[in-house]
């Protein structure tokens, strides 16, 4: 039975890259019945998009969202740095699909501010080409992680995330994340918002902050490359959802077919 929700926030799905967990995302989308979905940036990775890499599972994500729209679900596509070319059409509406750079909603009497968050990234703002190189390096790291996990699984050692391990151990990265969150929260308080919802840094989080000017709740929906997380609002409170492979319905032949196709795509890329 599908879970009824008011609002679901997904960010940093990075469709079109090897790191995207599209099969798991389809499974998640098929398990919920929201009034609206907010795709908070970097949904399609237009920087690293390859003509030769668009697996069936990635197309199935698009089809699933289209099907949800035909059933009355509003979808807000908020632009990020990896899909920033959509900022040229950021006032576009096509029926239940809205393309925006940011979004403000009144939810149960509280003002909620949604935006991707790359506006806080100094590297992104002033040295876009450096950021692109970093994006390609990150994709190579994800591909290397796939290779090591494939071998690790065969040897019975289980899976782990190289990129997450590196980011968590580097002081500069930890400092950047904290600076990002503090900047978002302070700005939200200045603007009079009760909640601020971001993506961009691939760090799922719900935390509160208070200063002499007021208080705010910060939320980050994480990503579907490493963490496989989303934010869910049931009409009263926000929760951080974390995907688990245990919920995959193995008896579903459509899901099994997608998982097999996705696995074959990765094996081809690994040679």
Protein backbone atom coordinates (compact mmCIF):
# COMPACT_ATOMS: atom_id res chain seq x y z
CA UNK A 1 0.00 0.00 0.00
CA UNK A 2 1.33 3.42 -0.96
CA UNK A 3 2.09 5.95 1.75
CA UNK A 4 0.11 9.20 1.43
CA UNK A 5 2.27 12.31 1.83
CA UNK A 6 1.80 16.03 1.37
CA UNK A 7 5.25 16.89 -0.01
CA UNK A 8 8.35 14.93 -1.03
CA UNK A 9 11.72 16.57 -1.74
CA UNK A 10 14.38 14.84 -3.86
CA UNK A 11 17.66 16.38 -4.92
CA UNK A 12 20.93 15.43 -6.59
CA UNK A 13 19.55 12.39 -8.40
CA UNK A 14 22.09 12.93 -11.22
CA UNK A 15 20.21 11.01 -13.89
CA UNK A 16 22.50 10.23 -16.81
CA UNK A 17 25.52 9.29 -14.70
CA UNK A 18 26.83 5.93 -13.50
CA UNK A 19 26.43 6.97 -9.88
CA UNK A 20 22.65 7.40 -10.02
CA UNK A 21 20.60 4.75 -8.21
CA UNK A 22 17.67 4.92 -10.61
CA UNK A 23 16.25 1.46 -9.88
CA UNK A 24 16.00 2.22 -6.18
CA UNK A 25 14.43 5.60 -6.93
CA UNK A 26 11.72 3.98 -9.08
CA UNK A 27 10.99 1.57 -6.25
CA UNK A 28 10.69 4.48 -3.82
CA UNK A 29 8.45 6.53 -6.11
CA UNK A 30 6.16 3.54 -6.54
CA UNK A 31 5.79 3.29 -2.76
CA UNK A 32 4.44 6.81 -2.16
CA UNK A 33 1.40 8.90 -3.06
CA UNK A 34 2.34 12.58 -2.55
CA UNK A 35 0.41 15.73 -3.43
CA UNK A 36 3.59 17.34 -4.74
CA UNK A 37 7.19 16.42 -5.48
CA UNK A 38 9.98 18.98 -5.39
CA UNK A 39 13.06 18.06 -7.42
CA UNK A 40 15.53 20.37 -5.72
CA UNK A 41 18.30 20.63 -8.32
CA UNK A 42 20.71 18.33 -10.17
CA UNK A 43 17.92 15.94 -11.09
CA UNK A 44 19.36 15.40 -14.58
CA UNK A 45 23.14 15.79 -14.73
CA UNK A 46 23.54 17.89 -17.86
CA UNK A 47 27.25 18.46 -17.21
CA UNK A 48 28.19 14.79 -17.31
CA UNK A 49 25.44 13.57 -19.64
CA UNK A 50 26.68 11.00 -22.16
CA UNK A 51 24.79 10.04 -25.31
CA UNK A 52 25.84 6.43 -24.85
CA UNK A 53 24.74 6.20 -21.22
CA UNK A 54 21.01 6.47 -20.61
CA UNK A 55 19.89 3.10 -19.17
CA UNK A 56 16.30 1.91 -19.21
CA UNK A 57 16.10 2.45 -15.45
CA UNK A 58 16.86 6.16 -15.91
CA UNK A 59 14.11 6.44 -18.52
CA UNK A 60 11.79 4.59 -16.15
CA UNK A 61 12.30 7.33 -13.53
CA UNK A 62 11.05 9.89 -16.08
CA UNK A 63 8.08 7.71 -17.04
CA UNK A 64 7.17 7.19 -13.40
CA UNK A 65 7.14 10.93 -12.72
CA UNK A 66 5.07 11.59 -15.86
CA UNK A 67 2.59 8.96 -14.72
CA UNK A 68 2.40 10.62 -11.29
CA UNK A 69 1.69 13.99 -12.93
CA UNK A 70 -1.15 12.48 -14.96
CA UNK A 71 -2.60 11.28 -11.66
CA UNK A 72 -2.66 14.77 -10.16
CA UNK A 73 0.78 15.15 -8.57
CA UNK A 74 2.37 18.60 -8.98
CA UNK A 75 6.11 18.49 -9.72
CA UNK A 76 8.38 21.46 -9.12
CA UNK A 77 11.73 21.18 -10.87
CA UNK A 78 14.12 23.60 -9.11
CA UNK A 79 17.34 24.27 -11.00
CA UNK A 80 20.77 23.31 -9.67
CA UNK A 81 24.32 23.76 -10.88
CA UNK A 82 24.36 20.55 -12.95
CA UNK A 83 21.13 21.51 -14.71
CA UNK A 84 21.69 25.28 -14.68
CA UNK A 85 20.84 25.67 -18.38
CA UNK A 86 17.20 25.32 -17.31
CA UNK A 87 17.54 28.68 -15.56
CA UNK A 88 16.87 30.22 -18.97
CA UNK A 89 13.29 28.90 -18.71
CA UNK A 90 12.83 29.08 -14.93
CA UNK A 91 9.36 30.58 -15.12
CA UNK A 92 8.01 27.81 -17.36
CA UNK A 93 4.87 25.87 -16.46
CA UNK A 94 3.59 22.88 -18.41
CA UNK A 95 0.41 21.76 -16.68
CA UNK A 96 1.44 20.19 -13.35
CA UNK A 97 5.17 20.69 -14.10
CA UNK A 98 6.76 23.91 -12.81
CA UNK A 99 10.38 24.92 -13.50
CA UNK A 100 11.71 27.39 -10.95
CA UNK A 101 15.02 28.57 -9.45
CA UNK A 102 13.52 28.67 -5.96
CA UNK A 103 10.19 28.08 -4.28
CA UNK A 104 8.37 29.38 -1.20
CA UNK A 105 5.42 27.44 0.19
CA UNK A 106 3.12 28.06 3.12
CA UNK A 107 2.79 24.69 4.80
CA UNK A 108 0.46 24.53 7.77
CA UNK A 109 1.00 28.24 8.47
CA UNK A 110 4.81 28.11 8.20
CA UNK A 111 6.95 29.62 5.46
CA UNK A 112 9.24 27.10 3.78
CA UNK A 113 12.01 28.22 1.42
CA UNK A 114 13.31 25.71 -1.14
CA UNK A 115 16.40 26.16 -3.34
CA UNK A 116 19.31 23.99 -4.47
CA UNK A 117 22.11 25.83 -2.66
CA UNK A 118 24.89 26.26 -5.22
CA UNK A 119 24.55 30.05 -4.82
CA UNK A 120 26.58 29.60 -1.60
CA UNK A 121 29.40 27.79 -3.39
CA UNK A 122 32.22 30.27 -4.05
CA UNK A 123 33.98 27.82 -6.37
CA UNK A 124 30.77 27.38 -8.35
CA UNK A 125 30.15 31.11 -8.47
CA UNK A 126 33.57 32.30 -9.58
CA UNK A 127 35.33 29.27 -11.12
CA UNK A 128 32.72 27.18 -12.88
CA UNK A 129 35.28 25.27 -14.95
CA UNK A 130 37.09 24.14 -11.78
CA UNK A 131 33.78 22.87 -10.41
CA UNK A 132 33.18 20.93 -13.63
CA UNK A 133 36.57 19.23 -13.31
CA UNK A 134 35.61 18.35 -9.75
CA UNK A 135 32.32 16.90 -11.01
CA UNK A 136 34.14 14.63 -13.47
CA UNK A 137 36.53 13.54 -10.70
CA UNK A 138 33.59 12.71 -8.49
CA UNK A 139 32.06 10.58 -11.26
CA UNK A 140 35.34 8.68 -11.66
CA UNK A 141 35.40 8.10 -7.90
CA UNK A 142 31.85 6.72 -8.02
CA UNK A 143 32.82 4.41 -10.90
CA UNK A 144 35.87 3.22 -8.94
CA UNK A 145 33.57 2.66 -5.96
CA UNK A 146 31.32 0.47 -8.14
CA UNK A 147 34.31 -1.62 -9.16
CA UNK A 148 35.58 -2.08 -5.60
CA UNK A 149 32.10 -2.91 -4.31
CA UNK A 150 31.66 -5.48 -7.09
CA UNK A 151 34.87 -7.20 -5.99
CA UNK A 152 34.07 -6.72 -2.29
CA UNK A 153 30.64 -8.32 -2.75
CA UNK A 154 32.21 -11.30 -4.50
CA UNK A 155 34.65 -11.74 -1.60
CA UNK A 156 31.86 -11.39 0.95
CA UNK A 157 33.06 -8.17 2.59
CA UNK A 158 29.98 -6.05 1.83
CA UNK A 159 29.68 -2.54 0.41
CA UNK A 160 31.15 0.83 1.41
CA UNK A 161 31.32 4.36 -0.01
CA UNK A 162 34.78 5.66 -0.93
CA UNK A 163 33.57 9.19 -1.65
CA UNK A 164 31.61 9.41 1.60
CA UNK A 165 34.60 8.10 3.56
CA UNK A 166 36.89 10.66 1.94
CA UNK A 167 34.48 13.57 2.50
CA UNK A 168 33.84 12.62 6.13
CA UNK A 169 37.57 12.42 6.88
CA UNK A 170 38.69 15.66 5.21
CA UNK A 171 38.50 18.59 7.62
CA UNK A 172 38.02 21.12 4.83
CA UNK A 173 34.98 19.23 3.54
CA UNK A 174 33.45 19.03 7.02
CA UNK A 175 34.09 22.76 7.49
CA UNK A 176 32.53 23.57 4.11
CA UNK A 177 29.38 21.61 4.99
CA UNK A 178 29.01 23.42 8.30
CA UNK A 179 29.60 26.81 6.63
CA UNK A 180 27.02 25.96 3.97
CA UNK A 181 24.39 25.04 6.56
CA UNK A 182 25.09 28.09 8.72
CA UNK A 183 24.90 30.45 5.74
CA UNK A 184 21.55 28.98 4.67
CA UNK A 185 20.10 29.18 8.18
CA UNK A 186 21.24 32.74 8.90
CA UNK A 187 19.93 33.98 5.56
CA UNK A 188 16.60 32.21 6.12
CA UNK A 189 16.21 33.91 9.50
CA UNK A 190 16.99 37.30 7.94
CA UNK A 191 14.32 36.67 5.29
CA UNK A 192 11.74 35.56 7.85
CA UNK A 193 11.41 31.89 6.86
CA UNK A 194 10.56 29.12 9.30
CA UNK A 195 12.26 26.39 7.26
CA UNK A 196 15.01 26.34 4.62
CA UNK A 197 15.35 23.28 2.38
CA UNK A 198 18.48 22.69 0.28
CA UNK A 199 20.37 20.03 -1.67
CA UNK A 200 23.73 20.39 -3.44
CA UNK A 201 26.14 19.09 -0.76
CA UNK A 202 24.82 15.48 -0.70
CA UNK A 203 24.51 15.58 3.10
CA UNK A 204 21.02 14.62 4.37
CA UNK A 205 20.21 16.58 7.49
CA UNK A 206 17.54 18.08 9.69
CA UNK A 207 18.83 20.57 12.27
CA UNK A 208 17.64 23.63 14.12
CA UNK A 209 19.40 26.94 14.65
CA UNK A 210 18.66 30.00 16.75
CA UNK A 211 20.35 33.39 17.10
CA UNK A 212 19.38 36.79 18.46
CA UNK A 213 17.29 37.48 15.34
CA UNK A 214 15.17 34.34 15.43
CA UNK A 215 15.15 30.60 14.72
CA UNK A 216 14.88 28.28 11.73
CA UNK A 217 14.89 24.60 10.81
CA UNK A 218 17.40 23.54 8.13
CA UNK A 219 16.70 20.50 5.98
CA UNK A 220 18.77 18.84 3.27
CA UNK A 221 17.35 16.03 1.17
CA UNK A 222 20.74 14.42 0.50
CA UNK A 223 21.13 12.58 -2.81
CA UNK A 224 20.47 9.41 -4.84
CA UNK A 225 24.13 8.69 -5.57
CA UNK A 226 25.43 7.73 -2.11
CA UNK A 227 22.84 8.31 0.59
CA UNK A 228 19.56 7.49 -1.24
CA UNK A 229 17.50 9.87 0.87
CA UNK A 230 14.53 12.20 0.59
CA UNK A 231 12.54 14.58 2.75
CA UNK A 232 8.90 13.80 3.47
CA UNK A 233 6.25 16.13 4.84
CA UNK A 234 3.04 14.47 6.02
CA UNK A 235 1.11 17.70 6.59
CA UNK A 236 2.36 18.17 10.15
CA UNK A 237 6.06 17.38 10.38
CA UNK A 238 9.15 16.73 8.27
CA UNK A 239 11.01 13.42 8.26
CA UNK A 240 14.20 12.23 6.59
CA UNK A 241 13.64 9.06 4.58
CA UNK A 242 16.50 6.63 3.96
CA UNK A 243 16.15 3.92 1.34
CA UNK A 244 16.98 0.36 2.28
CA UNK A 245 17.50 -2.49 -0.17
CA UNK A 246 15.39 -4.61 2.18
CA UNK A 247 12.22 -2.94 0.90
CA UNK A 248 12.76 -3.97 -2.73
CA UNK A 249 9.85 -6.20 -3.72
CA UNK A 250 11.76 -9.06 -5.27
CA UNK A 251 8.55 -10.66 -6.52
CA UNK A 252 7.90 -7.65 -8.76
CA UNK A 253 9.10 -8.79 -12.25
CA UNK A 254 9.26 -5.20 -13.59
CA UNK A 255 11.63 -4.16 -10.79
CA UNK A 256 13.71 -7.32 -11.21
CA UNK A 257 14.02 -6.64 -14.95
CA UNK A 258 15.17 -3.07 -14.29
CA UNK A 259 17.69 -4.20 -11.69
CA UNK A 260 19.11 -6.80 -14.08
CA UNK A 261 19.38 -4.25 -16.93
CA UNK A 262 21.03 -1.73 -14.61
CA UNK A 263 23.53 -4.35 -13.44
CA UNK A 264 24.38 -5.30 -17.03
CA UNK A 265 24.95 -1.62 -17.94
CA UNK A 266 27.49 -1.26 -15.13
CA UNK A 267 29.25 -4.50 -16.06
CA UNK A 268 29.64 -3.23 -19.64
CA UNK A 269 31.19 0.00 -18.36
CA UNK A 270 33.55 -1.99 -16.16
CA UNK A 271 34.67 -3.87 -19.27
